[in-house]
């Protein structure tokens, strides 16, 4: 509901609800209950649980989001890049299409501009 107040067009888009912190025992033990409550509130079952801290299931989420974006692009007749804004400057002169994977950072350091 809050999203529709901000932007009805954005609220009409396909959404995925993320449950974070599944590395914490009290979150993991209530995961089934959380999923049910969120599915009811969201009106769909695209509920995904992960741990940003440990990285558990983050790669799975990225793959699922990419599949969803590809599906939306076919339905809308646009590429994900056209739908979501083109390119991303990495700060070291490289430009990355938003739907490409980020290159790994150099060994022993972070990417420039990060």
PDB file of N, CA and C in Angstrom:
ATOM      1  N   UNK A   1       0.820  -1.186   0.000  1.00  0.00           N
ATOM      2  CA  UNK A   1       0.000   0.000   0.000  1.00  0.00           C
ATOM      3  C   UNK A   1       0.871   1.260   0.000  1.00  0.00           C
ATOM      4  N   UNK A   2       1.921   1.268   0.804  1.00  0.00           N
ATOM      5  CA  UNK A   2       2.788   2.440   0.872  1.00  0.00           C
ATOM      6  C   UNK A   2       3.407   2.737  -0.490  1.00  0.00           C
ATOM      7  N   UNK A   3       3.772   1.691  -1.218  1.00  0.00           N
ATOM      8  CA  UNK A   3       4.364   1.880  -2.539  1.00  0.00           C
ATOM      9  C   UNK A   3       3.369   2.532  -3.496  1.00  0.00           C
ATOM     10  N   UNK A   4       2.102   2.161  -3.431  1.00  0.00           N
ATOM     11  CA  UNK A   4       1.105   2.752  -4.323  1.00  0.00           C
ATOM     12  C   UNK A   4       0.878   4.231  -4.020  1.00  0.00           C
ATOM     13  N   UNK A   5       1.096   4.634  -2.780  1.00  0.00           N
ATOM     14  CA  UNK A   5       1.001   6.059  -2.454  1.00  0.00           C
ATOM     15  C   UNK A   5       2.151   6.841  -3.077  1.00  0.00           C
ATOM     16  N   UNK A   6       3.310   6.210  -3.144  1.00  0.00           N
ATOM     17  CA  UNK A   6       4.482   6.830  -3.744  1.00  0.00           C
ATOM     18  C   UNK A   6       4.360   6.865  -5.266  1.00  0.00           C
ATOM     19  N   UNK A   7       4.018   5.706  -5.862  1.00  0.00           N
ATOM     20  CA  UNK A   7       3.919   5.609  -7.314  1.00  0.00           C
ATOM     21  C   UNK A   7       2.977   4.476  -7.703  1.00  0.00           C
ATOM     22  N   UNK A   8       1.764   4.790  -8.133  1.00  0.00           N
ATOM     23  CA  UNK A   8       0.840   3.742  -8.561  1.00  0.00           C
ATOM     24  C   UNK A   8       1.409   2.888  -9.699  1.00  0.00           C
ATOM     25  N   UNK A   9       2.166   3.510 -10.601  1.00  0.00           N
ATOM     26  CA  UNK A   9       2.754   2.754 -11.718  1.00  0.00           C
ATOM     27  C   UNK A   9       3.779   1.744 -11.210  1.00  0.00           C
ATOM     28  N   UNK A  10       4.582   2.158 -10.261  1.00  0.00           N
ATOM     29  CA  UNK A  10       5.576   1.247  -9.696  1.00  0.00           C
ATOM     30  C   UNK A  10       4.894   0.132  -8.909  1.00  0.00           C
ATOM     31  N   UNK A  11       3.863   0.456  -8.183  1.00  0.00           N
ATOM     32  CA  UNK A  11       3.131  -0.545  -7.405  1.00  0.00           C
ATOM     33  C   UNK A  11       2.470  -1.585  -8.298  1.00  0.00           C
ATOM     34  N   UNK A  12       2.168  -1.230  -9.541  1.00  0.00           N
ATOM     35  CA  UNK A  12       1.535  -2.162 -10.469  1.00  0.00           C
ATOM     36  C   UNK A  12       2.531  -3.159 -11.057  1.00  0.00           C
ATOM     37  N   UNK A  13       3.824  -2.900 -10.893  1.00  0.00           N
ATOM     38  CA  UNK A  13       4.865  -3.792 -11.408  1.00  0.00           C
ATOM     39  C   UNK A  13       4.957  -5.064 -10.573  1.00  0.00           C
ATOM     40  N   UNK A  14       5.498  -6.110 -11.171  1.00  0.00           N
ATOM     41  CA  UNK A  14       5.746  -7.349 -10.450  1.00  0.00           C
ATOM     42  C   UNK A  14       6.710  -7.072  -9.299  1.00  0.00           C
ATOM     43  N   UNK A  15       6.417  -7.633  -8.152  1.00  0.00           N
ATOM     44  CA  UNK A  15       7.247  -7.410  -6.964  1.00  0.00           C
ATOM     45  C   UNK A  15       7.723  -8.731  -6.389  1.00  0.00           C
ATOM     46  N   UNK A  16       8.869  -8.666  -5.743  1.00  0.00           N
ATOM     47  CA  UNK A  16       9.411  -9.795  -4.992  1.00  0.00           C
ATOM     48  C   UNK A  16       9.660  -9.270  -3.581  1.00  0.00           C
ATOM     49  N   UNK A  17       9.172  -9.976  -2.589  1.00  0.00           N
ATOM     50  CA  UNK A  17       9.370  -9.578  -1.201  1.00  0.00           C
ATOM     51  C   UNK A  17      10.544 -10.388  -0.651  1.00  0.00           C
ATOM     52  N   UNK A  18      11.470  -9.676   0.002  1.00  0.00           N
ATOM     53  CA  UNK A  18      12.673 -10.316   0.529  1.00  0.00           C
ATOM     54  C   UNK A  18      12.608 -10.367   2.052  1.00  0.00           C
ATOM     55  N   UNK A  19      12.886 -11.542   2.595  1.00  0.00           N
ATOM     56  CA  UNK A  19      13.085 -11.704   4.034  1.00  0.00           C
ATOM     57  C   UNK A  19      14.590 -11.827   4.229  1.00  0.00           C
ATOM     58  N   UNK A  20      15.173 -10.921   4.973  1.00  0.00           N
ATOM     59  CA  UNK A  20      16.609 -10.930   5.226  1.00  0.00           C
ATOM     60  C   UNK A  20      16.882 -11.480   6.630  1.00  0.00           C
ATOM     61  N   UNK A  21      18.137 -11.706   6.910  1.00  0.00           N
ATOM     62  CA  UNK A  21      18.628 -12.108   8.235  1.00  0.00           C
ATOM     63  C   UNK A  21      18.258 -13.529   8.615  1.00  0.00           C
ATOM     64  N   UNK A  22      18.141 -14.426   7.617  1.00  0.00           N
ATOM     65  CA  UNK A  22      17.825 -15.810   7.959  1.00  0.00           C
ATOM     66  C   UNK A  22      18.989 -16.515   8.642  1.00  0.00           C
ATOM     67  N   UNK A  23      20.122 -15.835   8.760  1.00  0.00           N
ATOM     68  CA  UNK A  23      21.241 -16.389   9.510  1.00  0.00           C
ATOM     69  C   UNK A  23      20.997 -16.300  11.015  1.00  0.00           C
ATOM     70  N   UNK A  24      20.018 -15.509  11.425  1.00  0.00           N
ATOM     71  CA  UNK A  24      19.699 -15.371  12.851  1.00  0.00           C
ATOM     72  C   UNK A  24      18.680 -16.441  13.249  1.00  0.00           C
ATOM     73  N   UNK A  25      18.953 -17.183  14.313  1.00  0.00           N
ATOM     74  CA  UNK A  25      18.066 -18.296  14.703  1.00  0.00           C
ATOM     75  C   UNK A  25      16.606 -17.888  14.898  1.00  0.00           C
ATOM     76  N   UNK A  26      16.349 -16.733  15.520  1.00  0.00           N
ATOM     77  CA  UNK A  26      14.952 -16.357  15.770  1.00  0.00           C
ATOM     78  C   UNK A  26      14.215 -15.993  14.478  1.00  0.00           C
ATOM     79  N   UNK A  27      14.934 -15.561  13.464  1.00  0.00           N
ATOM     80  CA  UNK A  27      14.298 -15.297  12.163  1.00  0.00           C
ATOM     81  C   UNK A  27      14.036 -16.615  11.446  1.00  0.00           C
ATOM     82  N   UNK A  28      15.048 -17.490  11.427  1.00  0.00           N
ATOM     83  CA  UNK A  28      14.898 -18.775  10.740  1.00  0.00           C
ATOM     84  C   UNK A  28      13.759 -19.601  11.332  1.00  0.00           C
ATOM     85  N   UNK A  29      13.607 -19.587  12.646  1.00  0.00           N
ATOM     86  CA  UNK A  29      12.554 -20.407  13.258  1.00  0.00           C
ATOM     87  C   UNK A  29      11.154 -19.877  12.951  1.00  0.00           C
ATOM     88  N   UNK A  30      11.028 -18.601  12.617  1.00  0.00           N
ATOM     89  CA  UNK A  30       9.718 -18.029  12.285  1.00  0.00           C
ATOM     90  C   UNK A  30       9.519 -17.860  10.778  1.00  0.00           C
ATOM     91  N   UNK A  31      10.406 -18.439   9.980  1.00  0.00           N
ATOM     92  CA  UNK A  31      10.375 -18.237   8.540  1.00  0.00           C
ATOM     93  C   UNK A  31       9.052 -18.648   7.900  1.00  0.00           C
ATOM     94  N   UNK A  32       8.520 -19.795   8.282  1.00  0.00           N
ATOM     95  CA  UNK A  32       7.244 -20.244   7.722  1.00  0.00           C
ATOM     96  C   UNK A  32       6.115 -19.264   8.013  1.00  0.00           C
ATOM     97  N   UNK A  33       6.069 -18.811   9.250  1.00  0.00           N
ATOM     98  CA  UNK A  33       5.052 -17.848   9.669  1.00  0.00           C
ATOM     99  C   UNK A  33       5.225 -16.508   8.932  1.00  0.00           C
ATOM    100  N   UNK A  34       6.473 -16.057   8.826  1.00  0.00           N
ATOM    101  CA  UNK A  34       6.754 -14.805   8.099  1.00  0.00           C
ATOM    102  C   UNK A  34       6.314 -14.893   6.642  1.00  0.00           C
ATOM    103  N   UNK A  35       6.671 -16.009   6.000  1.00  0.00           N
ATOM    104  CA  UNK A  35       6.283 -16.198   4.590  1.00  0.00           C
ATOM    105  C   UNK A  35       4.764 -16.110   4.415  1.00  0.00           C
ATOM    106  N   UNK A  36       4.042 -16.795   5.298  1.00  0.00           N
ATOM    107  CA  UNK A  36       2.571 -16.806   5.197  1.00  0.00           C
ATOM    108  C   UNK A  36       2.000 -15.403   5.384  1.00  0.00           C
ATOM    109  N   UNK A  37       2.500 -14.685   6.387  1.00  0.00           N
ATOM    110  CA  UNK A  37       2.009 -13.329   6.642  1.00  0.00           C
ATOM    111  C   UNK A  37       2.327 -12.388   5.478  1.00  0.00           C
ATOM    112  N   UNK A  38       3.543 -12.476   4.972  1.00  0.00           N
ATOM    113  CA  UNK A  38       3.942 -11.592   3.869  1.00  0.00           C
ATOM    114  C   UNK A  38       3.201 -11.924   2.582  1.00  0.00           C
ATOM    115  N   UNK A  39       2.996 -13.207   2.317  1.00  0.00           N
ATOM    116  CA  UNK A  39       2.249 -13.601   1.118  1.00  0.00           C
ATOM    117  C   UNK A  39       0.823 -13.056   1.179  1.00  0.00           C
ATOM    118  N   UNK A  40       0.216 -13.139   2.347  1.00  0.00           N
ATOM    119  CA  UNK A  40      -1.138 -12.615   2.517  1.00  0.00           C
ATOM    120  C   UNK A  40      -1.161 -11.091   2.331  1.00  0.00           C
ATOM    121  N   UNK A  41      -0.220 -10.403   2.951  1.00  0.00           N
ATOM    122  CA  UNK A  41      -0.168  -8.937   2.852  1.00  0.00           C
ATOM    123  C   UNK A  41       0.162  -8.468   1.438  1.00  0.00           C
ATOM    124  N   UNK A  42       1.058  -9.193   0.771  1.00  0.00           N
ATOM    125  CA  UNK A  42       1.489  -8.787  -0.570  1.00  0.00           C
ATOM    126  C   UNK A  42       0.508  -9.218  -1.656  1.00  0.00           C
ATOM    127  N   UNK A  43      -0.272 -10.249  -1.378  1.00  0.00           N
ATOM    128  CA  UNK A  43      -1.210 -10.745  -2.379  1.00  0.00           C
ATOM    129  C   UNK A  43      -0.545 -11.615  -3.435  1.00  0.00           C
ATOM    130  N   UNK A  44       0.649 -12.121  -3.150  1.00  0.00           N
ATOM    131  CA  UNK A  44       1.344 -13.037  -4.061  1.00  0.00           C
ATOM    132  C   UNK A  44       2.306 -13.895  -3.253  1.00  0.00           C
ATOM    133  N   UNK A  45       2.903 -14.886  -3.903  1.00  0.00           N
ATOM    134  CA  UNK A  45       3.803 -15.800  -3.198  1.00  0.00           C
ATOM    135  C   UNK A  45       5.267 -15.624  -3.602  1.00  0.00           C
ATOM    136  N   UNK A  46       5.608 -14.501  -4.193  1.00  0.00           N
ATOM    137  CA  UNK A  46       7.004 -14.253  -4.559  1.00  0.00           C
ATOM    138  C   UNK A  46       7.752 -13.727  -3.329  1.00  0.00           C
ATOM    139  N   UNK A  47       7.941 -14.629  -2.372  1.00  0.00           N
ATOM    140  CA  UNK A  47       8.605 -14.309  -1.107  1.00  0.00           C
ATOM    141  C   UNK A  47       9.936 -15.063  -1.123  1.00  0.00           C
ATOM    142  N   UNK A  48      11.027 -14.373  -0.874  1.00  0.00           N
ATOM    143  CA  UNK A  48      12.339 -14.995  -0.961  1.00  0.00           C
ATOM    144  C   UNK A  48      13.125 -14.680   0.301  1.00  0.00           C
ATOM    145  N   UNK A  49      13.692 -15.700   0.924  1.00  0.00           N
ATOM    146  CA  UNK A  49      14.454 -15.520   2.154  1.00  0.00           C
ATOM    147  C   UNK A  49      15.942 -15.664   1.876  1.00  0.00           C
ATOM    148  N   UNK A  50      16.734 -14.800   2.512  1.00  0.00           N
ATOM    149  CA  UNK A  50      18.178 -14.823   2.324  1.00  0.00           C
ATOM    150  C   UNK A  50      18.883 -14.221   3.519  1.00  0.00           C
ATOM    151  N   UNK A  51      20.201 -14.300   3.486  1.00  0.00           N
ATOM    152  CA  UNK A  51      21.025 -13.618   4.483  1.00  0.00           C
ATOM    153  C   UNK A  51      22.037 -12.762   3.732  1.00  0.00           C
ATOM    154  N   UNK A  52      21.870 -11.467   3.803  1.00  0.00           N
ATOM    155  CA  UNK A  52      22.839 -10.570   3.172  1.00  0.00           C
ATOM    156  C   UNK A  52      24.181 -10.660   3.891  1.00  0.00           C
ATOM    157  N   UNK A  53      24.155 -10.898   5.196  1.00  0.00           N
ATOM    158  CA  UNK A  53      25.392 -10.958   5.983  1.00  0.00           C
ATOM    159  C   UNK A  53      26.272 -12.135   5.580  1.00  0.00           C
ATOM    160  N   UNK A  54      25.670 -13.307   5.371  1.00  0.00           N
ATOM    161  CA  UNK A  54      26.455 -14.499   5.034  1.00  0.00           C
ATOM    162  C   UNK A  54      26.467 -14.785   3.540  1.00  0.00           C
ATOM    163  N   UNK A  55      25.566 -14.148   2.803  1.00  0.00           N
ATOM    164  CA  UNK A  55      25.463 -14.404   1.369  1.00  0.00           C
ATOM    165  C   UNK A  55      24.576 -15.592   1.028  1.00  0.00           C
ATOM    166  N   UNK A  56      24.024 -16.240   2.042  1.00  0.00           N
ATOM    167  CA  UNK A  56      23.157 -17.402   1.802  1.00  0.00           C
ATOM    168  C   UNK A  56      21.968 -17.015   0.935  1.00  0.00           C
ATOM    169  N   UNK A  57      21.841 -17.679  -0.195  1.00  0.00           N
ATOM    170  CA  UNK A  57      20.746 -17.551  -1.160  1.00  0.00           C
ATOM    171  C   UNK A  57      20.751 -16.239  -1.946  1.00  0.00           C
ATOM    172  N   UNK A  58      21.762 -15.399  -1.792  1.00  0.00           N
ATOM    173  CA  UNK A  58      21.813 -14.138  -2.536  1.00  0.00           C
ATOM    174  C   UNK A  58      21.959 -14.411  -4.034  1.00  0.00           C
ATOM    175  N   UNK A  59      22.847 -15.332  -4.400  1.00  0.00           N
ATOM    176  CA  UNK A  59      23.026 -15.666  -5.818  1.00  0.00           C
ATOM    177  C   UNK A  59      21.730 -16.230  -6.403  1.00  0.00           C
ATOM    178  N   UNK A  60      21.028 -17.057  -5.634  1.00  0.00           N
ATOM    179  CA  UNK A  60      19.734 -17.596  -6.088  1.00  0.00           C
ATOM    180  C   UNK A  60      18.749 -16.459  -6.367  1.00  0.00           C
ATOM    181  N   UNK A  61      18.722 -15.480  -5.485  1.00  0.00           N
ATOM    182  CA  UNK A  61      17.834 -14.335  -5.679  1.00  0.00           C
ATOM    183  C   UNK A  61      18.192 -13.590  -6.962  1.00  0.00           C
ATOM    184  N   UNK A  62      19.458 -13.338  -7.180  1.00  0.00           N
ATOM    185  CA  UNK A  62      19.883 -12.606  -8.384  1.00  0.00           C
ATOM    186  C   UNK A  62      19.459 -13.345  -9.651  1.00  0.00           C
ATOM    187  N   UNK A  63      19.591 -14.669  -9.637  1.00  0.00           N
ATOM    188  CA  UNK A  63      19.175 -15.455 -10.793  1.00  0.00           C
ATOM    189  C   UNK A  63      17.669 -15.367 -11.006  1.00  0.00           C
ATOM    190  N   UNK A  64      16.907 -15.441  -9.929  1.00  0.00           N
ATOM    191  CA  UNK A  64      15.449 -15.355 -10.049  1.00  0.00           C
ATOM    192  C   UNK A  64      14.995 -13.968 -10.510  1.00  0.00           C
ATOM    193  N   UNK A  65      15.643 -12.938  -9.996  1.00  0.00           N
ATOM    194  CA  UNK A  65      15.311 -11.581 -10.440  1.00  0.00           C
ATOM    195  C   UNK A  65      15.611 -11.445 -11.922  1.00  0.00           C
ATOM    196  N   UNK A  66      16.745 -11.955 -12.365  1.00  0.00           N
ATOM    197  CA  UNK A  66      17.092 -11.874 -13.786  1.00  0.00           C
ATOM    198  C   UNK A  66      16.051 -12.598 -14.643  1.00  0.00           C
ATOM    199  N   UNK A  67      15.626 -13.781 -14.212  1.00  0.00           N
ATOM    200  CA  UNK A  67      14.586 -14.507 -14.953  1.00  0.00           C
ATOM    201  C   UNK A  67      13.294 -13.699 -15.020  1.00  0.00           C
ATOM    202  N   UNK A  68      12.929 -13.079 -13.898  1.00  0.00           N
ATOM    203  CA  UNK A  68      11.712 -12.263 -13.868  1.00  0.00           C
ATOM    204  C   UNK A  68      11.840 -11.059 -14.792  1.00  0.00           C
ATOM    205  N   UNK A  69      13.007 -10.415 -14.788  1.00  0.00           N
ATOM    206  CA  UNK A  69      13.230  -9.263 -15.674  1.00  0.00           C
ATOM    207  C   UNK A  69      13.163  -9.677 -17.138  1.00  0.00           C
ATOM    208  N   UNK A  70      13.756 -10.813 -17.451  1.00  0.00           N
ATOM    209  CA  UNK A  70      13.692 -11.311 -18.830  1.00  0.00           C
ATOM    210  C   UNK A  70      12.250 -11.566 -19.245  1.00  0.00           C
ATOM    211  N   UNK A  71      11.468 -12.165 -18.344  1.00  0.00           N
ATOM    212  CA  UNK A  71      10.052 -12.435 -18.623  1.00  0.00           C
ATOM    213  C   UNK A  71       9.295 -11.126 -18.843  1.00  0.00           C
ATOM    214  N   UNK A  72       9.548 -10.136 -17.974  1.00  0.00           N
ATOM    215  CA  UNK A  72       8.877  -8.847 -18.112  1.00  0.00           C
ATOM    216  C   UNK A  72       9.279  -8.158 -19.425  1.00  0.00           C
ATOM    217  N   UNK A  73      10.546  -8.283 -19.792  1.00  0.00           N
ATOM    218  CA  UNK A  73      11.022  -7.651 -21.024  1.00  0.00           C
ATOM    219  C   UNK A  73      10.309  -8.232 -22.231  1.00  0.00           C
ATOM    220  N   UNK A  74      10.138  -9.547 -22.250  1.00  0.00           N
ATOM    221  CA  UNK A  74       9.434 -10.186 -23.366  1.00  0.00           C
ATOM    222  C   UNK A  74       7.984  -9.721 -23.402  1.00  0.00           C
ATOM    223  N   UNK A  75       7.344  -9.676 -22.231  1.00  0.00           N
ATOM    224  CA  UNK A  75       5.943  -9.258 -22.163  1.00  0.00           C
ATOM    225  C   UNK A  75       5.773  -7.792 -22.558  1.00  0.00           C
ATOM    226  N   UNK A  76       6.723  -6.945 -22.162  1.00  0.00           N
ATOM    227  CA  UNK A  76       6.641  -5.513 -22.453  1.00  0.00           C
ATOM    228  C   UNK A  76       7.264  -5.136 -23.783  1.00  0.00           C
ATOM    229  N   UNK A  77       7.982  -6.075 -24.413  1.00  0.00           N
ATOM    230  CA  UNK A  77       8.631  -5.779 -25.684  1.00  0.00           C
ATOM    231  C   UNK A  77       9.860  -4.900 -25.539  1.00  0.00           C
ATOM    232  N   UNK A  78      10.498  -4.923 -24.382  1.00  0.00           N
ATOM    233  CA  UNK A  78      11.694  -4.114 -24.153  1.00  0.00           C
ATOM    234  C   UNK A  78      12.763  -4.976 -23.510  1.00  0.00           C
ATOM    235  N   UNK A  79      14.003  -4.557 -23.624  1.00  0.00           N
ATOM    236  CA  UNK A  79      15.079  -5.268 -22.940  1.00  0.00           C
ATOM    237  C   UNK A  79      15.126  -4.785 -21.498  1.00  0.00           C
ATOM    238  N   UNK A  80      15.663  -5.593 -20.585  1.00  0.00           N
ATOM    239  CA  UNK A  80      15.797  -5.119 -19.203  1.00  0.00           C
ATOM    240  C   UNK A  80      16.574  -3.817 -19.113  1.00  0.00           C
ATOM    241  N   UNK A  81      17.588  -3.657 -19.943  1.00  0.00           N
ATOM    242  CA  UNK A  81      18.366  -2.416 -19.926  1.00  0.00           C
ATOM    243  C   UNK A  81      17.493  -1.228 -20.300  1.00  0.00           C
ATOM    244  N   UNK A  82      16.663  -1.390 -21.325  1.00  0.00           N
ATOM    245  CA  UNK A  82      15.761  -0.297 -21.716  1.00  0.00           C
ATOM    246  C   UNK A  82      14.747  -0.013 -20.612  1.00  0.00           C
ATOM    247  N   UNK A  83      14.312  -1.063 -19.932  1.00  0.00           N
ATOM    248  CA  UNK A  83      13.309  -0.896 -18.885  1.00  0.00           C
ATOM    249  C   UNK A  83      13.873  -0.200 -17.657  1.00  0.00           C
ATOM    250  N   UNK A  84      15.142  -0.447 -17.351  1.00  0.00           N
ATOM    251  CA  UNK A  84      15.688   0.010 -16.081  1.00  0.00           C
ATOM    252  C   UNK A  84      16.837   0.989 -16.212  1.00  0.00           C
ATOM    253  N   UNK A  85      17.029   1.602 -17.348  1.00  0.00           N
ATOM    254  CA  UNK A  85      17.879   2.763 -17.382  1.00  0.00           C
ATOM    255  C   UNK A  85      19.248   2.704 -17.976  1.00  0.00           C
ATOM    256  N   UNK A  86      19.614   1.703 -18.721  1.00  0.00           N
ATOM    257  CA  UNK A  86      20.857   1.787 -19.460  1.00  0.00           C
ATOM    258  C   UNK A  86      22.079   1.266 -18.771  1.00  0.00           C
ATOM    259  N   UNK A  87      23.036   2.149 -18.510  1.00  0.00           N
ATOM    260  CA  UNK A  87      24.343   1.703 -18.075  1.00  0.00           C
ATOM    261  C   UNK A  87      24.689   2.230 -16.691  1.00  0.00           C
ATOM    262  N   UNK A  88      25.731   1.659 -16.148  1.00  0.00           N
ATOM    263  CA  UNK A  88      26.198   2.002 -14.814  1.00  0.00           C
ATOM    264  C   UNK A  88      27.683   2.295 -14.909  1.00  0.00           C
ATOM    265  N   UNK A  89      28.104   3.472 -14.490  1.00  0.00           N
ATOM    266  CA  UNK A  89      29.527   3.812 -14.488  1.00  0.00           C
ATOM    267  C   UNK A  89      30.162   3.211 -13.245  1.00  0.00           C
ATOM    268  N   UNK A  90      31.277   2.519 -13.424  1.00  0.00           N
ATOM    269  CA  UNK A  90      31.949   1.878 -12.305  1.00  0.00           C
ATOM    270  C   UNK A  90      32.942   2.793 -11.614  1.00  0.00           C
ATOM    271  N   UNK A  91      33.220   3.959 -12.159  1.00  0.00           N
ATOM    272  CA  UNK A  91      34.112   4.893 -11.506  1.00  0.00           C
ATOM    273  C   UNK A  91      35.553   4.750 -11.910  1.00  0.00           C
ATOM    274  N   UNK A  92      35.893   3.721 -12.686  1.00  0.00           N
ATOM    275  CA  UNK A  92      37.275   3.549 -13.129  1.00  0.00           C
ATOM    276  C   UNK A  92      37.348   3.583 -14.655  1.00  0.00           C
ATOM    277  N   UNK A  93      36.378   4.284 -15.249  1.00  0.00           N
ATOM    278  CA  UNK A  93      36.333   4.398 -16.704  1.00  0.00           C
ATOM    279  C   UNK A  93      35.534   3.304 -17.375  1.00  0.00           C
ATOM    280  N   UNK A  94      35.180   2.257 -16.635  1.00  0.00           N
ATOM    281  CA  UNK A  94      34.386   1.172 -17.198  1.00  0.00           C
ATOM    282  C   UNK A  94      32.915   1.531 -17.127  1.00  0.00           C
ATOM    283  N   UNK A  95      32.182   1.111 -18.123  1.00  0.00           N
ATOM    284  CA  UNK A  95      30.733   1.271 -18.134  1.00  0.00           C
ATOM    285  C   UNK A  95      30.143  -0.120 -18.267  1.00  0.00           C
ATOM    286  N   UNK A  96      29.176  -0.404 -17.438  1.00  0.00           N
ATOM    287  CA  UNK A  96      28.592  -1.728 -17.368  1.00  0.00           C
ATOM    288  C   UNK A  96      27.111  -1.644 -17.666  1.00  0.00           C
ATOM    289  N   UNK A  97      26.640  -2.497 -18.570  1.00  0.00           N
ATOM    290  CA  UNK A  97      25.207  -2.623 -18.772  1.00  0.00           C
ATOM    291  C   UNK A  97      24.624  -3.096 -17.453  1.00  0.00           C
ATOM    292  N   UNK A  98      23.515  -2.513 -17.005  1.00  0.00           N
ATOM    293  CA  UNK A  98      22.966  -2.827 -15.688  1.00  0.00           C
ATOM    294  C   UNK A  98      22.644  -4.301 -15.503  1.00  0.00           C
ATOM    295  N   UNK A  99      22.414  -5.029 -16.583  1.00  0.00           N
ATOM    296  CA  UNK A  99      22.025  -6.420 -16.449  1.00  0.00           C
ATOM    297  C   UNK A  99      23.223  -7.364 -16.538  1.00  0.00           C
ATOM    298  N   UNK A 100      24.425  -6.844 -16.745  1.00  0.00           N
ATOM    299  CA  UNK A 100      25.623  -7.679 -16.763  1.00  0.00           C
ATOM    300  C   UNK A 100      26.080  -7.915 -15.337  1.00  0.00           C
ATOM    301  N   UNK A 101      26.907  -8.923 -15.163  1.00  0.00           N
ATOM    302  CA  UNK A 101      27.502  -9.161 -13.847  1.00  0.00           C
ATOM    303  C   UNK A 101      28.653  -8.203 -13.647  1.00  0.00           C
ATOM    304  N   UNK A 102      28.803  -7.734 -12.437  1.00  0.00           N
ATOM    305  CA  UNK A 102      29.947  -6.890 -12.116  1.00  0.00           C
ATOM    306  C   UNK A 102      31.219  -7.720 -12.208  1.00  0.00           C
ATOM    307  N   UNK A 103      32.282  -7.155 -12.757  1.00  0.00           N
ATOM    308  CA  UNK A 103      33.552  -7.892 -12.756  1.00  0.00           C
ATOM    309  C   UNK A 103      34.062  -8.000 -11.327  1.00  0.00           C
ATOM    310  N   UNK A 104      34.818  -9.043 -11.020  1.00  0.00           N
ATOM    311  CA  UNK A 104      35.327  -9.155  -9.651  1.00  0.00           C
ATOM    312  C   UNK A 104      36.303  -8.026  -9.362  1.00  0.00           C
ATOM    313  N   UNK A 105      36.369  -7.586  -8.105  1.00  0.00           N
ATOM    314  CA  UNK A 105      37.332  -6.531  -7.763  1.00  0.00           C
ATOM    315  C   UNK A 105      38.751  -7.057  -7.919  1.00  0.00           C
ATOM    316  N   UNK A 106      39.718  -6.160  -8.106  1.00  0.00           N
ATOM    317  CA  UNK A 106      41.111  -6.608  -8.208  1.00  0.00           C
ATOM    318  C   UNK A 106      41.524  -7.325  -6.937  1.00  0.00           C
ATOM    319  N   UNK A 107      42.451  -8.262  -7.062  1.00  0.00           N
ATOM    320  CA  UNK A 107      42.922  -9.012  -5.877  1.00  0.00           C
ATOM    321  C   UNK A 107      43.483  -8.040  -4.836  1.00  0.00           C
ATOM    322  N   UNK A 108      43.039  -8.222  -3.616  1.00  0.00           N
ATOM    323  CA  UNK A 108      43.575  -7.444  -2.515  1.00  0.00           C
ATOM    324  C   UNK A 108      43.035  -6.031  -2.413  1.00  0.00           C
ATOM    325  N   UNK A 109      42.030  -5.707  -3.204  1.00  0.00           N
ATOM    326  CA  UNK A 109      41.502  -4.345  -3.125  1.00  0.00           C
ATOM    327  C   UNK A 109      40.102  -4.240  -3.633  1.00  0.00           C
ATOM    328  N   UNK A 110      39.571  -3.060  -3.499  1.00  0.00           N
ATOM    329  CA  UNK A 110      38.215  -2.791  -3.950  1.00  0.00           C
ATOM    330  C   UNK A 110      38.286  -2.076  -5.293  1.00  0.00           C
ATOM    331  N   UNK A 111      37.174  -2.124  -6.009  1.00  0.00           N
ATOM    332  CA  UNK A 111      37.073  -1.395  -7.273  1.00  0.00           C
ATOM    333  C   UNK A 111      37.233   0.092  -7.028  1.00  0.00           C
ATOM    334  N   UNK A 112      37.839   0.779  -7.959  1.00  0.00           N
ATOM    335  CA  UNK A 112      37.986   2.231  -7.834  1.00  0.00           C
ATOM    336  C   UNK A 112      36.613   2.874  -7.743  1.00  0.00           C
ATOM    337  N   UNK A 113      36.498   3.905  -6.924  1.00  0.00           N
ATOM    338  CA  UNK A 113      35.236   4.607  -6.799  1.00  0.00           C
ATOM    339  C   UNK A 113      34.264   3.948  -5.846  1.00  0.00           C
ATOM    340  N   UNK A 114      34.666   2.909  -5.161  1.00  0.00           N
ATOM    341  CA  UNK A 114      33.777   2.199  -4.233  1.00  0.00           C
ATOM    342  C   UNK A 114      34.232   2.367  -2.826  1.00  0.00           C
TER     343      UNK A 114
END
